[in-house]
């Protein structure tokens, strides 16, 4: 969806809401008129014994009931239209770079020991998850988290085909997400607990919480029926039937707490499945071609039947709200217990399917999320090509997916199984470039589209050392923390499996002499044909490693230029080592270093 297309869809959505509200007003006025018709008809009928008055009242009652139904349906239609508008506003915010206040940022998935996620901003405020997620269920959020952090690399092709097919219909995507929005969204912890409880209940395999359920549900009505027959034949007294009648009522009263809990559970289950059915119908309608989506449709084929069966049980149980009907139903047919028995039968038949339905809905939410970049910025994205062997990465006009689309700069880049040392001034773009590579690699492995004109990559395990901080609780300094991360990379490299290694400002936490010696040793250990290693540094001495037989690497750099006192960057990566620094100029601009001192330092350096 290009910006002008989003704008048109937004206008259409607002117009649709206005039209739906006008219809709601018509149904509301119709209810009022039908109620007046009932009143007028009754007045004429009662006062004058006027038959047409009674007819008018009867017709008014029928119309009133119909109009109440249509009024309620219209409220649902307005809610859905408002949800569509909210979904479109989120897409519009993404296209303009105004997505930082999205509520769901995936912060709950941040783990202390998950260095990759924290280094690359996969979760949390201003993260990739916050930007692309269109998941509104626990299952969908979890599925997206898994695809971003530990995808099955053997299924990348299947996920790519599914994402591409889902990208073809913007209206379908908006409808599916709109149906997933909830007005009363709870805290994630509460929602997760409720989801787990619901899954346990649905897969209870018919183990009802009502003791001796079958005996109560079947035994008591049968005994009552037999006594009624024998009483009719004059063998027993009708009082025995009456005793059984009240016995069934007493049993329902004694177990009312358990029965009410059971009923509340099934009502929650029905409400969840009610909205799920609409979402399932949306994704069952298209004739998908990808094997993954066709399998999804196959496994959801019986969902409608199962949900309708549950709704029949719910509607049957709802009769207990009518006291006039409730007493004979309970007294003669043990109604509550038979509803429980029917529910247990449903759980035996469909309970496992319920979890499958929820899992597939979550999977579709995750697949839609992986296509968000292309839906919002179609001219800047592509489907990555996953190539065997490697290591290999080729990128044309690759961009950081989380930066402002109006100012982000793209880069062309190619690397195989060698080591690249990147130098450059402060703020020139070194760290951003490495995150650009890594984030697009994460999206490619997940099966999504990437922010580039062309992107080819081989399957690799990604390791990063970019945001290393002190861990006071463990007594670990940032320097030692970085040592541990690099040790992990070296240990894993012994398996000789393809790796993408990104180390930012290597060993910046120690003095320059130790840093250079340690960095040289580390880079040698991270240089193997099966490893694609990128290291950024301010130590130009490390650039000499590119010519070392042990490393056989390359030097790249970023540079800046000056416009008066203003430092400007083009954020373009170039071959070779950097020739300039900007630290002193930055300190002078900040007022920490005056011009005279700067000249004296330059003269002293020249003399030395």
Foldseek 3Di string as FASTA:
>chain_A
DELVVLVVQLVVLVVVLVVLVVVLVVLVVQLVVLVVQLVQLVVCCVPVVDVVSVVSNVVSVVSNVVSVVVNVVSVVVSLLSVLLNVVSVLLNCLLQLNQQVQPAFQPVVDDPPLVVCVLLQCGDGLRLCSNQFLDQAPLQSVLLVCLLRPFDLVCLVLLLLVLVVVLPDPVLVSSLSSLSDDPDDDDPVVRVVLVVVLLCVLQVLLPAPDPPLVCLQPVLLVVLVVVVVCVVVVNDPCVVNVVSLVVLVVSCVVCVVSLVVVLVSLVVVLVVLVSLVVSLVSLLPDPDDRPVSVVLNVLCVCSVVLSVLSVVLNVQVCCCVVVVVNSRCRSNRVSSSVSSNSSSVSSNVCSVSVVVSVNSSSNVSSSNSLASLCSSVVVQKDQAAADEDWQWKWFAQQWQSSDRPVDIGGETDIDTQAEEEEEEAPPQAPSVVVSSVVSQVSSNSSNGMGRGPYIYGYDAAEAEARDFADDVVVRRHSLNSLVVSLVVLLVVCVVVAAHEYEYEAQSPVDDPVVRVVVVLVSQLSQRDNRYYYYYYHNDCVSQVCCPPPSGVHFYKYFYWDDDDLDIGYPSYIGGDYDDDYCPVSVCCVVVNAPPVNVVVVVVVVVVD
